[in-house]
Every structure is written in structure tokens, then in C-alpha cells.
C-alpha atoms as a PDB file:
ATOM      1  CA  UNK A   1      -0.257   0.028  -0.145  1.00  0.00           C
ATOM      2  CA  UNK A   2       1.541   3.451  -1.224  1.00  0.00           C
ATOM      3  CA  UNK A   3       1.185   6.543   1.377  1.00  0.00           C
ATOM      4  CA  UNK A   4      -0.786   9.382   0.885  1.00  0.00           C
ATOM      5  CA  UNK A   5       2.823  11.290   1.117  1.00  0.00           C
ATOM      6  CA  UNK A   6       4.419   8.832  -1.180  1.00  0.00           C
ATOM      7  CA  UNK A   7       1.628   9.584  -4.007  1.00  0.00           C
ATOM      8  CA  UNK A   8       1.956  13.179  -3.520  1.00  0.00           C
ATOM      9  CA  UNK A   9       5.452  13.327  -3.939  1.00  0.00           C
ATOM     10  CA  UNK A  10       5.261  11.363  -7.004  1.00  0.00           C
ATOM     11  CA  UNK A  11       2.778  13.082  -8.702  1.00  0.00           C
ATOM     12  CA  UNK A  12       4.938  16.335  -7.519  1.00  0.00           C
ATOM     13  CA  UNK A  13       7.852  15.005  -9.177  1.00  0.00           C
ATOM     14  CA  UNK A  14       5.962  14.880 -12.756  1.00  0.00           C
ATOM     15  CA  UNK A  15       4.130  18.312 -12.068  1.00  0.00           C
ATOM     16  CA  UNK A  16       7.061  20.314 -10.919  1.00  0.00           C
ATOM     17  CA  UNK A  17       9.198  19.182 -13.771  1.00  0.00           C
ATOM     18  CA  UNK A  18       6.750  21.329 -16.443  1.00  0.00           C
ATOM     19  CA  UNK A  19       8.277  24.570 -14.999  1.00  0.00           C
ATOM     20  CA  UNK A  20      11.711  22.812 -13.698  1.00  0.00           C
ATOM     21  CA  UNK A  21      12.580  20.292 -15.773  1.00  0.00           C
ATOM     22  CA  UNK A  22      15.671  18.914 -14.415  1.00  0.00           C
ATOM     23  CA  UNK A  23      15.953  20.315 -10.885  1.00  0.00           C
ATOM     24  CA  UNK A  24      12.662  19.715  -9.036  1.00  0.00           C
ATOM     25  CA  UNK A  25      12.495  15.904 -10.010  1.00  0.00           C
ATOM     26  CA  UNK A  26      15.952  15.500  -9.239  1.00  0.00           C
ATOM     27  CA  UNK A  27      15.516  16.586  -5.587  1.00  0.00           C
ATOM     28  CA  UNK A  28      12.538  14.974  -4.862  1.00  0.00           C
ATOM     29  CA  UNK A  29      14.080  11.649  -6.076  1.00  0.00           C
ATOM     30  CA  UNK A  30      17.378  11.912  -4.579  1.00  0.00           C
ATOM     31  CA  UNK A  31      15.535  13.227  -1.294  1.00  0.00           C
ATOM     32  CA  UNK A  32      13.049  10.119  -1.320  1.00  0.00           C
ATOM     33  CA  UNK A  33      14.741   7.189  -3.267  1.00  0.00           C
ATOM     34  CA  UNK A  34      16.064   5.374  -0.399  1.00  0.00           C
ATOM     35  CA  UNK A  35      12.940   5.805   1.755  1.00  0.00           C
ATOM     36  CA  UNK A  36      10.510   5.167  -0.804  1.00  0.00           C
ATOM     37  CA  UNK A  37      10.393   2.494  -3.811  1.00  0.00           C
ATOM     38  CA  UNK A  38       7.341   4.123  -5.198  1.00  0.00           C
ATOM     39  CA  UNK A  39       9.278   7.126  -5.465  1.00  0.00           C
ATOM     40  CA  UNK A  40      12.461   5.751  -6.970  1.00  0.00           C
ATOM     41  CA  UNK A  41      10.218   3.910  -9.685  1.00  0.00           C
ATOM     42  CA  UNK A  42       8.623   7.349 -10.639  1.00  0.00           C
ATOM     43  CA  UNK A  43      12.033   9.002 -10.690  1.00  0.00           C
ATOM     44  CA  UNK A  44      13.699   6.344 -12.840  1.00  0.00           C
ATOM     45  CA  UNK A  45      10.888   6.478 -15.202  1.00  0.00           C
ATOM     46  CA  UNK A  46      10.759  10.328 -15.401  1.00  0.00           C
ATOM     47  CA  UNK A  47      14.522  10.823 -15.875  1.00  0.00           C
ATOM     48  CA  UNK A  48      14.597   7.872 -18.497  1.00  0.00           C
ATOM     49  CA  UNK A  49      11.383   9.906 -20.232  1.00  0.00           C
ATOM     50  CA  UNK A  50      14.164  12.822 -20.258  1.00  0.00           C
ATOM     51  CA  UNK A  51      16.783  11.471 -22.023  1.00  0.00           C
ATOM     52  CA  UNK A  52      14.442  10.090 -24.530  1.00  0.00           C
ATOM     53  CA  UNK A  53      12.345  12.797 -25.187  1.00  0.00           C
ATOM     54  CA  UNK A  54      15.482  15.181 -25.254  1.00  0.00           C
ATOM     55  CA  UNK A  55      17.174  13.170 -27.998  1.00  0.00           C
ATOM     56  CA  UNK A  56      13.751  13.297 -29.885  1.00  0.00           C
ATOM     57  CA  UNK A  57      13.644  16.842 -29.579  1.00  0.00           C
ATOM     58  CA  UNK A  58      17.197  17.354 -30.802  1.00  0.00           C
ATOM     59  CA  UNK A  59      17.026  15.066 -33.869  1.00  0.00           C
ATOM     60  CA  UNK A  60      13.400  16.678 -34.616  1.00  0.00           C
ATOM     61  CA  UNK A  61      15.938  19.900 -34.475  1.00  0.00           C
ATOM     62  CA  UNK A  62      18.091  18.531 -36.755  1.00  0.00           C
ATOM     63  CA  UNK A  63      15.398  17.266 -38.979  1.00  0.00           C
ATOM     64  CA  UNK A  64      14.164  21.264 -39.410  1.00  0.00           C
ATOM     65  CA  UNK A  65      16.508  21.466 -41.972  1.00  0.00           C
ATOM     66  CA  UNK A  66      14.169  19.221 -44.267  1.00  0.00           C
ATOM     67  CA  UNK A  67      10.942  20.983 -42.653  1.00  0.00           C
ATOM     68  CA  UNK A  68       9.677  17.641 -41.386  1.00  0.00           C
ATOM     69  CA  UNK A  69      11.396  18.555 -38.215  1.00  0.00           C
ATOM     70  CA  UNK A  70       9.194  21.416 -37.630  1.00  0.00           C
ATOM     71  CA  UNK A  71       6.100  19.207 -37.588  1.00  0.00           C
ATOM     72  CA  UNK A  72       8.017  16.627 -35.379  1.00  0.00           C
ATOM     73  CA  UNK A  73       8.969  19.045 -32.910  1.00  0.00           C
ATOM     74  CA  UNK A  74       5.253  20.165 -32.088  1.00  0.00           C
ATOM     75  CA  UNK A  75       4.615  16.230 -31.831  1.00  0.00           C
ATOM     76  CA  UNK A  76       7.275  15.419 -29.764  1.00  0.00           C
ATOM     77  CA  UNK A  77       6.523  18.751 -27.127  1.00  0.00           C
ATOM     78  CA  UNK A  78       2.541  18.002 -27.155  1.00  0.00           C
ATOM     79  CA  UNK A  79       3.365  14.172 -26.422  1.00  0.00           C
ATOM     80  CA  UNK A  80       5.968  14.938 -23.573  1.00  0.00           C
ATOM     81  CA  UNK A  81       3.219  17.212 -22.116  1.00  0.00           C
ATOM     82  CA  UNK A  82       0.466  15.083 -22.529  1.00  0.00           C
ATOM     83  CA  UNK A  83       2.293  11.875 -20.933  1.00  0.00           C
ATOM     84  CA  UNK A  84       3.575  13.788 -18.182  1.00  0.00           C
ATOM     85  CA  UNK A  85       0.189  14.851 -17.044  1.00  0.00           C
ATOM     86  CA  UNK A  86      -0.771  11.257 -17.530  1.00  0.00           C
ATOM     87  CA  UNK A  87       2.172  10.254 -15.202  1.00  0.00           C
ATOM     88  CA  UNK A  88       1.113  12.757 -12.624  1.00  0.00           C
ATOM     89  CA  UNK A  89      -2.533  11.444 -12.464  1.00  0.00           C
ATOM     90  CA  UNK A  90      -1.103   7.903 -12.151  1.00  0.00           C
ATOM     91  CA  UNK A  91       1.202   8.695  -9.490  1.00  0.00           C
ATOM     92  CA  UNK A  92      -1.529  10.324  -7.377  1.00  0.00           C
ATOM     93  CA  UNK A  93      -3.549   7.197  -7.870  1.00  0.00           C
ATOM     94  CA  UNK A  94      -0.960   5.330  -6.629  1.00  0.00           C
ATOM     95  CA  UNK A  95       0.152   3.391  -9.952  1.00  0.00           C
ATOM     96  CA  UNK A  96       2.904   2.932 -11.434  1.00  0.00           C
ATOM     97  CA  UNK A  97       3.157   4.630 -15.120  1.00  0.00           C
ATOM     98  CA  UNK A  98       5.448   3.376 -17.850  1.00  0.00           C
ATOM     99  CA  UNK A  99       5.820   6.098 -20.337  1.00  0.00           C
ATOM    100  CA  UNK A 100       5.473   4.967 -24.574  1.00  0.00           C
ATOM    101  CA  UNK A 101       8.641   5.067 -26.662  1.00  0.00           C
ATOM    102  CA  UNK A 102      11.532   5.573 -24.252  1.00  0.00           C
ATOM    103  CA  UNK A 103      14.829   4.310 -23.384  1.00  0.00           C
ATOM    104  CA  UNK A 104      15.388   2.395 -20.296  1.00  0.00           C
ATOM    105  CA  UNK A 105      18.568   3.541 -19.434  1.00  0.00           C
ATOM    106  CA  UNK A 106      18.158   4.054 -15.648  1.00  0.00           C
ATOM    107  CA  UNK A 107      17.355   0.728 -13.948  1.00  0.00           C
END
């Protein structure tokens, strides 16, 4: 059973990632990962997501040379926003969430 505080911190990890994409989630994850396996799972998942979507965004930026990258940048940005909101809701419900289309580099 996941505690209410853990749910709130895991959801906060995602919500705070919108204005502070690296610092806020990193602080929450590093401070609470030893105490809570739930927050550890969400922290790892978020940083895998951040790495993957940063790579997608860079590739899209390079592809702006051939115009398709402009559309891809919009798609990647909108997908990242939607998946972040879904992950925050799932974390608040006490469920684990796996982002689609990410590389799981941090295990």
C-alpha cells in the first residue's frame, strides 16, 4: 500500500517538472528514493523519459533542415506534455506508469 505522502511527492515530481524539468524532480527523487520504492520507480521513469524525449527533440531540431522537423518538434512537445500529465495522475492514484517510446537507461 502506497502512502498518501508518497503519492503526492511522486505526482509532484511530474507536476514540478513542467516549470523545472531537471532540478525539482531530481531533488524529490534523490531525497526520497531510499525511503520509498514508489518514488524511486517514478524518478527513474521520469529521467528515462527526459533523456529519451530530449533525444527526440534534438533529432527533430536537426530535421528542421528538411522541414519535417518542425512538425516533429510540435508532436514531441505535445506528446511530452500529455504523457507528463497522465503520469502525474497515475502517480497520484498510487499506480506505476510507464511512458511509451522511451529508452530505459536508468534501471
